[in-house]
Amino acid sequence: MTARHRHFLDATGLVCPLPVLRARKVLQHMPEGAMLCITVTDDKAPRDFEDFCRDGGHKLESVTPVMDGIEIVILCGPKPPEEKEIAR
């Protein structure tokens, strides 16, 4: 995967559901298979992203503690038919 298919979202300091809502907005404009790396500080975020990915067809690739919080990596799933027009 090339760097152009890797996106970053800094959601530090935000409390859920805001990190998930921001990630959803970014993912709507990403191609299938692209990687979104999210940094969060909310301890509840990993569980929220697990649910979000399961329900939204994305893949939760990893959840890793880092010095300034938690890094969550998501692979963008296929777009539902109504979102494919938005993503173009």
PDB file of N, CA and C in Angstrom:
ATOM      1  N   MET A   1       0.848  -1.176   0.000  1.00  0.00           N
ATOM      2  CA  MET A   1       0.000   0.000   0.000  1.00  0.00           C
ATOM      3  C   MET A   1       0.890   1.235   0.000  1.00  0.00           C
ATOM      4  N   THR A   2       0.618   2.165  -0.853  1.00  0.00           N
ATOM      5  CA  THR A   2       1.438   3.355  -0.957  1.00  0.00           C
ATOM      6  C   THR A   2       1.010   4.392   0.064  1.00  0.00           C
ATOM      7  N   ALA A   3       1.880   5.375   0.286  1.00  0.00           N
ATOM      8  CA  ALA A   3       1.595   6.419   1.269  1.00  0.00           C
ATOM      9  C   ALA A   3       0.348   7.216   0.905  1.00  0.00           C
ATOM     10  N   ARG A   4       0.027   7.296  -0.379  1.00  0.00           N
ATOM     11  CA  ARG A   4      -1.150   8.088  -0.754  1.00  0.00           C
ATOM     12  C   ARG A   4      -2.447   7.429  -0.305  1.00  0.00           C
ATOM     13  N   HIS A   5      -2.395   6.168   0.062  1.00  0.00           N
ATOM     14  CA  HIS A   5      -3.577   5.468   0.547  1.00  0.00           C
ATOM     15  C   HIS A   5      -3.574   5.336   2.067  1.00  0.00           C
ATOM     16  N   ARG A   6      -2.731   6.112   2.722  1.00  0.00           N
ATOM     17  CA  ARG A   6      -2.668   6.100   4.180  1.00  0.00           C
ATOM     18  C   ARG A   6      -3.060   7.495   4.665  1.00  0.00           C
ATOM     19  N   HIS A   7      -4.048   7.545   5.513  1.00  0.00           N
ATOM     20  CA  HIS A   7      -4.551   8.812   6.026  1.00  0.00           C
ATOM     21  C   HIS A   7      -4.415   8.810   7.544  1.00  0.00           C
ATOM     22  N   PHE A   8      -4.292  10.005   8.119  1.00  0.00           N
ATOM     23  CA  PHE A   8      -4.102  10.133   9.560  1.00  0.00           C
ATOM     24  C   PHE A   8      -5.170  11.047  10.138  1.00  0.00           C
ATOM     25  N   LEU A   9      -5.644  10.684  11.313  1.00  0.00           N
ATOM     26  CA  LEU A   9      -6.642  11.477  12.022  1.00  0.00           C
ATOM     27  C   LEU A   9      -6.208  11.608  13.473  1.00  0.00           C
ATOM     28  N   ASP A  10      -6.024  12.839  13.922  1.00  0.00           N
ATOM     29  CA  ASP A  10      -5.676  13.094  15.318  1.00  0.00           C
ATOM     30  C   ASP A  10      -6.966  13.389  16.074  1.00  0.00           C
ATOM     31  N   ALA A  11      -7.397  12.428  16.885  1.00  0.00           N
ATOM     32  CA  ALA A  11      -8.619  12.588  17.676  1.00  0.00           C
ATOM     33  C   ALA A  11      -8.278  12.651  19.163  1.00  0.00           C
ATOM     34  N   THR A  12      -7.044  13.060  19.475  1.00  0.00           N
ATOM     35  CA  THR A  12      -6.653  13.165  20.881  1.00  0.00           C
ATOM     36  C   THR A  12      -7.465  14.264  21.550  1.00  0.00           C
ATOM     37  N   GLY A  13      -7.842  14.004  22.784  1.00  0.00           N
ATOM     38  CA  GLY A  13      -8.627  14.958  23.546  1.00  0.00           C
ATOM     39  C   GLY A  13     -10.125  14.876  23.297  1.00  0.00           C
ATOM     40  N   LEU A  14     -10.534  14.116  22.305  1.00  0.00           N
ATOM     41  CA  LEU A  14     -11.960  13.970  22.006  1.00  0.00           C
ATOM     42  C   LEU A  14     -12.529  12.760  22.732  1.00  0.00           C
ATOM     43  N   VAL A  15     -13.763  12.886  23.174  1.00  0.00           N
ATOM     44  CA  VAL A  15     -14.452  11.803  23.870  1.00  0.00           C
ATOM     45  C   VAL A  15     -15.457  11.182  22.906  1.00  0.00           C
ATOM     46  N   CYS A  16     -15.555   9.867  22.940  1.00  0.00           N
ATOM     47  CA  CYS A  16     -16.502   9.167  22.073  1.00  0.00           C
ATOM     48  C   CYS A  16     -17.918   9.648  22.360  1.00  0.00           C
ATOM     49  N   PRO A  17     -18.672   9.829  21.303  1.00  0.00           N
ATOM     50  CA  PRO A  17     -18.538   9.267  19.961  1.00  0.00           C
ATOM     51  C   PRO A  17     -17.781  10.143  18.959  1.00  0.00           C
ATOM     52  N   LEU A  18     -17.209  11.278  19.380  1.00  0.00           N
ATOM     53  CA  LEU A  18     -16.591  12.185  18.412  1.00  0.00           C
ATOM     54  C   LEU A  18     -15.474  11.551  17.577  1.00  0.00           C
ATOM     55  N   PRO A  19     -14.552  10.759  18.143  1.00  0.00           N
ATOM     56  CA  PRO A  19     -13.534  10.140  17.279  1.00  0.00           C
ATOM     57  C   PRO A  19     -14.148   9.250  16.194  1.00  0.00           C
ATOM     58  N   VAL A  20     -15.169   8.500  16.541  1.00  0.00           N
ATOM     59  CA  VAL A  20     -15.827   7.622  15.564  1.00  0.00           C
ATOM     60  C   VAL A  20     -16.534   8.456  14.493  1.00  0.00           C
ATOM     61  N   LEU A  21     -17.201   9.507  14.890  1.00  0.00           N
ATOM     62  CA  LEU A  21     -17.901  10.354  13.923  1.00  0.00           C
ATOM     63  C   LEU A  21     -16.927  11.014  12.957  1.00  0.00           C
ATOM     64  N   ARG A  22     -15.798  11.471  13.471  1.00  0.00           N
ATOM     65  CA  ARG A  22     -14.789  12.089  12.594  1.00  0.00           C
ATOM     66  C   ARG A  22     -14.179  11.056  11.655  1.00  0.00           C
ATOM     67  N   ALA A  23     -13.921   9.863  12.183  1.00  0.00           N
ATOM     68  CA  ALA A  23     -13.360   8.797  11.345  1.00  0.00           C
ATOM     69  C   ALA A  23     -14.347   8.415  10.243  1.00  0.00           C
ATOM     70  N   ARG A  24     -15.611   8.323  10.585  1.00  0.00           N
ATOM     71  CA  ARG A  24     -16.624   7.969   9.582  1.00  0.00           C
ATOM     72  C   ARG A  24     -16.632   8.986   8.445  1.00  0.00           C
ATOM     73  N   LYS A  25     -16.529  10.253   8.791  1.00  0.00           N
ATOM     74  CA  LYS A  25     -16.522  11.307   7.773  1.00  0.00           C
ATOM     75  C   LYS A  25     -15.307  11.172   6.850  1.00  0.00           C
ATOM     76  N   VAL A  26     -14.141  10.874   7.424  1.00  0.00           N
ATOM     77  CA  VAL A  26     -12.925  10.699   6.620  1.00  0.00           C
ATOM     78  C   VAL A  26     -13.044   9.456   5.742  1.00  0.00           C
ATOM     79  N   LEU A  27     -13.525   8.358   6.314  1.00  0.00           N
ATOM     80  CA  LEU A  27     -13.632   7.097   5.573  1.00  0.00           C
ATOM     81  C   LEU A  27     -14.574   7.198   4.372  1.00  0.00           C
ATOM     82  N   GLN A  28     -15.565   8.071   4.443  1.00  0.00           N
ATOM     83  CA  GLN A  28     -16.502   8.243   3.327  1.00  0.00           C
ATOM     84  C   GLN A  28     -15.796   8.701   2.059  1.00  0.00           C
ATOM     85  N   HIS A  29     -14.655   9.359   2.215  1.00  0.00           N
ATOM     86  CA  HIS A  29     -13.934   9.915   1.069  1.00  0.00           C
ATOM     87  C   HIS A  29     -12.685   9.116   0.715  1.00  0.00           C
ATOM     88  N   MET A  30     -12.524   7.959   1.325  1.00  0.00           N
ATOM     89  CA  MET A  30     -11.349   7.123   1.085  1.00  0.00           C
ATOM     90  C   MET A  30     -11.716   5.931   0.207  1.00  0.00           C
ATOM     91  N   PRO A  31     -10.774   5.479  -0.622  1.00  0.00           N
ATOM     92  CA  PRO A  31     -11.047   4.298  -1.448  1.00  0.00           C
ATOM     93  C   PRO A  31     -11.002   3.022  -0.611  1.00  0.00           C
ATOM     94  N   GLU A  32     -11.692   2.016  -1.074  1.00  0.00           N
ATOM     95  CA  GLU A  32     -11.678   0.721  -0.401  1.00  0.00           C
ATOM     96  C   GLU A  32     -10.239   0.215  -0.284  1.00  0.00           C
ATOM     97  N   GLY A  33      -9.889  -0.278   0.889  1.00  0.00           N
ATOM     98  CA  GLY A  33      -8.552  -0.807   1.134  1.00  0.00           C
ATOM     99  C   GLY A  33      -7.570   0.208   1.665  1.00  0.00           C
ATOM    100  N   ALA A  34      -7.926   1.497   1.636  1.00  0.00           N
ATOM    101  CA  ALA A  34      -7.039   2.526   2.173  1.00  0.00           C
ATOM    102  C   ALA A  34      -6.974   2.408   3.691  1.00  0.00           C
ATOM    103  N   MET A  35      -5.888   2.900   4.256  1.00  0.00           N
ATOM    104  CA  MET A  35      -5.648   2.774   5.692  1.00  0.00           C
ATOM    105  C   MET A  35      -5.860   4.115   6.390  1.00  0.00           C
ATOM    106  N   LEU A  36      -6.606   4.080   7.484  1.00  0.00           N
ATOM    107  CA  LEU A  36      -6.800   5.256   8.321  1.00  0.00           C
ATOM    108  C   LEU A  36      -6.170   4.984   9.675  1.00  0.00           C
ATOM    109  N   CYS A  37      -5.184   5.817  10.047  1.00  0.00           N
ATOM    110  CA  CYS A  37      -4.503   5.704  11.342  1.00  0.00           C
ATOM    111  C   CYS A  37      -5.040   6.811  12.238  1.00  0.00           C
ATOM    112  N   ILE A  38      -5.639   6.424  13.344  1.00  0.00           N
ATOM    113  CA  ILE A  38      -6.297   7.366  14.247  1.00  0.00           C
ATOM    114  C   ILE A  38      -5.585   7.333  15.589  1.00  0.00           C
ATOM    115  N   THR A  39      -5.263   8.502  16.126  1.00  0.00           N
ATOM    116  CA  THR A  39      -4.707   8.584  17.469  1.00  0.00           C
ATOM    117  C   THR A  39      -5.795   9.123  18.387  1.00  0.00           C
ATOM    118  N   VAL A  40      -6.075   8.384  19.464  1.00  0.00           N
ATOM    119  CA  VAL A  40      -7.114   8.763  20.423  1.00  0.00           C
ATOM    120  C   VAL A  40      -6.540   8.734  21.835  1.00  0.00           C
ATOM    121  N   THR A  41      -7.222   9.415  22.743  1.00  0.00           N
ATOM    122  CA  THR A  41      -6.857   9.356  24.158  1.00  0.00           C
ATOM    123  C   THR A  41      -7.994   8.801  25.007  1.00  0.00           C
ATOM    124  N   ASP A  42      -9.161   8.634  24.424  1.00  0.00           N
ATOM    125  CA  ASP A  42     -10.317   8.093  25.142  1.00  0.00           C
ATOM    126  C   ASP A  42     -10.175   6.575  25.255  1.00  0.00           C
ATOM    127  N   ASP A  43     -10.119   6.069  26.483  1.00  0.00           N
ATOM    128  CA  ASP A  43      -9.948   4.630  26.714  1.00  0.00           C
ATOM    129  C   ASP A  43     -11.100   3.788  26.165  1.00  0.00           C
ATOM    130  N   LYS A  44     -12.259   4.404  25.952  1.00  0.00           N
ATOM    131  CA  LYS A  44     -13.413   3.670  25.426  1.00  0.00           C
ATOM    132  C   LYS A  44     -13.400   3.580  23.900  1.00  0.00           C
ATOM    133  N   ALA A  45     -12.529   4.316  23.258  1.00  0.00           N
ATOM    134  CA  ALA A  45     -12.503   4.373  21.795  1.00  0.00           C
ATOM    135  C   ALA A  45     -12.260   3.021  21.127  1.00  0.00           C
ATOM    136  N   PRO A  46     -11.342   2.181  21.607  1.00  0.00           N
ATOM    137  CA  PRO A  46     -11.140   0.899  20.918  1.00  0.00           C
ATOM    138  C   PRO A  46     -12.418   0.074  20.796  1.00  0.00           C
ATOM    139  N   ARG A  47     -13.196   0.016  21.841  1.00  0.00           N
ATOM    140  CA  ARG A  47     -14.459  -0.741  21.802  1.00  0.00           C
ATOM    141  C   ARG A  47     -15.446  -0.094  20.825  1.00  0.00           C
ATOM    142  N   ASP A  48     -15.507   1.239  20.857  1.00  0.00           N
ATOM    143  CA  ASP A  48     -16.405   1.948  19.941  1.00  0.00           C
ATOM    144  C   ASP A  48     -16.000   1.720  18.487  1.00  0.00           C
ATOM    145  N   PHE A  49     -14.698   1.726  18.210  1.00  0.00           N
ATOM    146  CA  PHE A  49     -14.236   1.494  16.845  1.00  0.00           C
ATOM    147  C   PHE A  49     -14.441   0.046  16.423  1.00  0.00           C
ATOM    148  N   GLU A  50     -14.342  -0.874  17.364  1.00  0.00           N
ATOM    149  CA  GLU A  50     -14.619  -2.281  17.057  1.00  0.00           C
ATOM    150  C   GLU A  50     -16.060  -2.431  16.570  1.00  0.00           C
ATOM    151  N   ASP A  51     -16.994  -1.829  17.300  1.00  0.00           N
ATOM    152  CA  ASP A  51     -18.408  -1.868  16.907  1.00  0.00           C
ATOM    153  C   ASP A  51     -18.631  -1.155  15.573  1.00  0.00           C
ATOM    154  N   PHE A  52     -18.011   0.011  15.431  1.00  0.00           N
ATOM    155  CA  PHE A  52     -18.154   0.798  14.208  1.00  0.00           C
ATOM    156  C   PHE A  52     -17.683   0.011  12.984  1.00  0.00           C
ATOM    157  N   CYS A  53     -16.530  -0.621  13.095  1.00  0.00           N
ATOM    158  CA  CYS A  53     -15.983  -1.381  11.960  1.00  0.00           C
ATOM    159  C   CYS A  53     -16.854  -2.587  11.625  1.00  0.00           C
ATOM    160  N   ARG A  54     -17.297  -3.287  12.639  1.00  0.00           N
ATOM    161  CA  ARG A  54     -18.159  -4.454  12.410  1.00  0.00           C
ATOM    162  C   ARG A  54     -19.448  -4.030  11.703  1.00  0.00           C
ATOM    163  N   ASP A  55     -20.059  -2.966  12.183  1.00  0.00           N
ATOM    164  CA  ASP A  55     -21.333  -2.514  11.614  1.00  0.00           C
ATOM    165  C   ASP A  55     -21.169  -1.841  10.253  1.00  0.00           C
ATOM    166  N   GLY A  56     -20.000  -1.223  10.017  1.00  0.00           N
ATOM    167  CA  GLY A  56     -19.800  -0.457   8.793  1.00  0.00           C
ATOM    168  C   GLY A  56     -19.051  -1.170   7.687  1.00  0.00           C
ATOM    169  N   GLY A  57     -18.621  -2.406   7.942  1.00  0.00           N
ATOM    170  CA  GLY A  57     -17.931  -3.164   6.904  1.00  0.00           C
ATOM    171  C   GLY A  57     -16.460  -2.831   6.741  1.00  0.00           C
ATOM    172  N   HIS A  58     -15.888  -2.156   7.733  1.00  0.00           N
ATOM    173  CA  HIS A  58     -14.464  -1.836   7.706  1.00  0.00           C
ATOM    174  C   HIS A  58     -13.708  -2.894   8.508  1.00  0.00           C
ATOM    175  N   LYS A  59     -12.376  -2.900   8.392  1.00  0.00           N
ATOM    176  CA  LYS A  59     -11.573  -3.867   9.134  1.00  0.00           C
ATOM    177  C   LYS A  59     -10.733  -3.138  10.172  1.00  0.00           C
ATOM    178  N   LEU A  60     -10.921  -3.515  11.435  1.00  0.00           N
ATOM    179  CA  LEU A  60     -10.088  -2.980  12.505  1.00  0.00           C
ATOM    180  C   LEU A  60      -8.775  -3.747  12.463  1.00  0.00           C
ATOM    181  N   GLU A  61      -7.760  -3.115  11.919  1.00  0.00           N
ATOM    182  CA  GLU A  61      -6.473  -3.762  11.680  1.00  0.00           C
ATOM    183  C   GLU A  61      -5.661  -3.905  12.965  1.00  0.00           C
ATOM    184  N   SER A  62      -5.621  -2.832  13.775  1.00  0.00           N
ATOM    185  CA  SER A  62      -4.844  -2.912  15.015  1.00  0.00           C
ATOM    186  C   SER A  62      -5.260  -1.827  15.993  1.00  0.00           C
ATOM    187  N   VAL A  63      -5.009  -2.124  17.266  1.00  0.00           N
ATOM    188  CA  VAL A  63      -5.175  -1.171  18.363  1.00  0.00           C
ATOM    189  C   VAL A  63      -3.888  -1.268  19.171  1.00  0.00           C
ATOM    190  N   THR A  64      -3.124  -0.169  19.217  1.00  0.00           N
ATOM    191  CA  THR A  64      -1.808  -0.194  19.835  1.00  0.00           C
ATOM    192  C   THR A  64      -1.636   0.966  20.802  1.00  0.00           C
ATOM    193  N   PRO A  65      -1.275   0.680  22.066  1.00  0.00           N
ATOM    194  CA  PRO A  65      -0.944   1.775  22.977  1.00  0.00           C
ATOM    195  C   PRO A  65       0.318   2.492  22.476  1.00  0.00           C
ATOM    196  N   VAL A  66       0.275   3.803  22.468  1.00  0.00           N
ATOM    197  CA  VAL A  66       1.431   4.619  22.095  1.00  0.00           C
ATOM    198  C   VAL A  66       1.655   5.654  23.182  1.00  0.00           C
ATOM    199  N   MET A  67       2.773   6.363  23.097  1.00  0.00           N
ATOM    200  CA  MET A  67       3.143   7.293  24.157  1.00  0.00           C
ATOM    201  C   MET A  67       2.053   8.324  24.449  1.00  0.00           C
ATOM    202  N   ASP A  68       1.410   8.835  23.410  1.00  0.00           N
ATOM    203  CA  ASP A  68       0.426   9.901  23.603  1.00  0.00           C
ATOM    204  C   ASP A  68      -1.019   9.424  23.510  1.00  0.00           C
ATOM    205  N   GLY A  69      -1.264   8.127  23.696  1.00  0.00           N
ATOM    206  CA  GLY A  69      -2.638   7.619  23.663  1.00  0.00           C
ATOM    207  C   GLY A  69      -2.727   6.223  23.090  1.00  0.00           C
ATOM    208  N   ILE A  70      -3.627   6.054  22.152  1.00  0.00           N
ATOM    209  CA  ILE A  70      -3.870   4.763  21.508  1.00  0.00           C
ATOM    210  C   ILE A  70      -3.925   5.003  20.004  1.00  0.00           C
ATOM    211  N   GLU A  71      -3.232   4.160  19.244  1.00  0.00           N
ATOM    212  CA  GLU A  71      -3.314   4.244  17.786  1.00  0.00           C
ATOM    213  C   GLU A  71      -4.240   3.142  17.290  1.00  0.00           C
ATOM    214  N   ILE A  72      -5.227   3.535  16.522  1.00  0.00           N
ATOM    215  CA  ILE A  72      -6.195   2.607  15.944  1.00  0.00           C
ATOM    216  C   ILE A  72      -6.035   2.665  14.430  1.00  0.00           C
ATOM    217  N   VAL A  73      -5.866   1.504  13.816  1.00  0.00           N
ATOM    218  CA  VAL A  73      -5.691   1.439  12.365  1.00  0.00           C
ATOM    219  C   VAL A  73      -6.885   0.699  11.767  1.00  0.00           C
ATOM    220  N   ILE A  74      -7.515   1.346  10.804  1.00  0.00           N
ATOM    221  CA  ILE A  74      -8.696   0.802  10.136  1.00  0.00           C
ATOM    222  C   ILE A  74      -8.425   0.714   8.639  1.00  0.00           C
ATOM    223  N   LEU A  75      -8.818  -0.400   8.035  1.00  0.00           N
ATOM    224  CA  LEU A  75      -8.798  -0.522   6.579  1.00  0.00           C
ATOM    225  C   LEU A  75     -10.206  -0.232   6.076  1.00  0.00           C
ATOM    226  N   CYS A  76     -10.301   0.692   5.154  1.00  0.00           N
ATOM    227  CA  CYS A  76     -11.592   1.122   4.627  1.00  0.00           C
ATOM    228  C   CYS A  76     -12.266  -0.013   3.859  1.00  0.00           C
ATOM    229  N   GLY A  77     -13.499  -0.271   4.208  1.00  0.00           N
ATOM    230  CA  GLY A  77     -14.272  -1.317   3.548  1.00  0.00           C
ATOM    231  C   GLY A  77     -14.984  -0.785   2.318  1.00  0.00           C
ATOM    232  N   PRO A  78     -15.743  -1.650   1.653  1.00  0.00           N
ATOM    233  CA  PRO A  78     -16.487  -1.218   0.465  1.00  0.00           C
ATOM    234  C   PRO A  78     -17.581  -0.227   0.847  1.00  0.00           C
ATOM    235  N   LYS A  79     -17.861   0.658  -0.063  1.00  0.00           N
ATOM    236  CA  LYS A  79     -18.898   1.660   0.171  1.00  0.00           C
ATOM    237  C   LYS A  79     -20.272   1.065  -0.110  1.00  0.00           C
ATOM    238  N   PRO A  80     -21.259   1.377   0.749  1.00  0.00           N
ATOM    239  CA  PRO A  80     -22.639   1.013   0.413  1.00  0.00           C
ATOM    240  C   PRO A  80     -23.030   1.768  -0.860  1.00  0.00           C
ATOM    241  N   PRO A  81     -23.973   1.261  -1.639  1.00  0.00           N
ATOM    242  CA  PRO A  81     -24.329   1.899  -2.917  1.00  0.00           C
ATOM    243  C   PRO A  81     -24.611   3.395  -2.809  1.00  0.00           C
ATOM    244  N   GLU A  82     -25.295   3.837  -1.764  1.00  0.00           N
ATOM    245  CA  GLU A  82     -25.627   5.257  -1.649  1.00  0.00           C
ATOM    246  C   GLU A  82     -24.407   6.106  -1.342  1.00  0.00           C
ATOM    247  N   GLU A  83     -23.345   5.542  -0.759  1.00  0.00           N
ATOM    248  CA  GLU A  83     -22.142   6.307  -0.447  1.00  0.00           C
ATOM    249  C   GLU A  83     -21.161   6.331  -1.606  1.00  0.00           C
ATOM    250  N   LYS A  84     -21.276   5.429  -2.554  1.00  0.00           N
ATOM    251  CA  LYS A  84     -20.330   5.389  -3.669  1.00  0.00           C
ATOM    252  C   LYS A  84     -20.384   6.679  -4.471  1.00  0.00           C
ATOM    253  N   GLU A  85     -21.546   7.263  -4.604  1.00  0.00           N
ATOM    254  CA  GLU A  85     -21.667   8.521  -5.337  1.00  0.00           C
ATOM    255  C   GLU A  85     -20.994   9.655  -4.576  1.00  0.00           C
ATOM    256  N   ILE A  86     -21.084   9.652  -3.243  1.00  0.00           N
ATOM    257  CA  ILE A  86     -20.472  10.689  -2.423  1.00  0.00           C
ATOM    258  C   ILE A  86     -18.956  10.618  -2.524  1.00  0.00           C
ATOM    259  N   ALA A  87     -18.408   9.415  -2.548  1.00  0.00           N
ATOM    260  CA  ALA A  87     -16.962   9.222  -2.515  1.00  0.00           C
ATOM    261  C   ALA A  87     -16.272   9.620  -3.819  1.00  0.00           C
ATOM    262  N   ARG A  88     -16.984   9.777  -4.876  1.00  0.00           N
ATOM    263  CA  ARG A  88     -16.361  10.115  -6.171  1.00  0.00           C
ATOM    264  C   ARG A  88     -15.941  11.525  -6.269  1.00  0.00           C
TER     265      ARG A  88
END
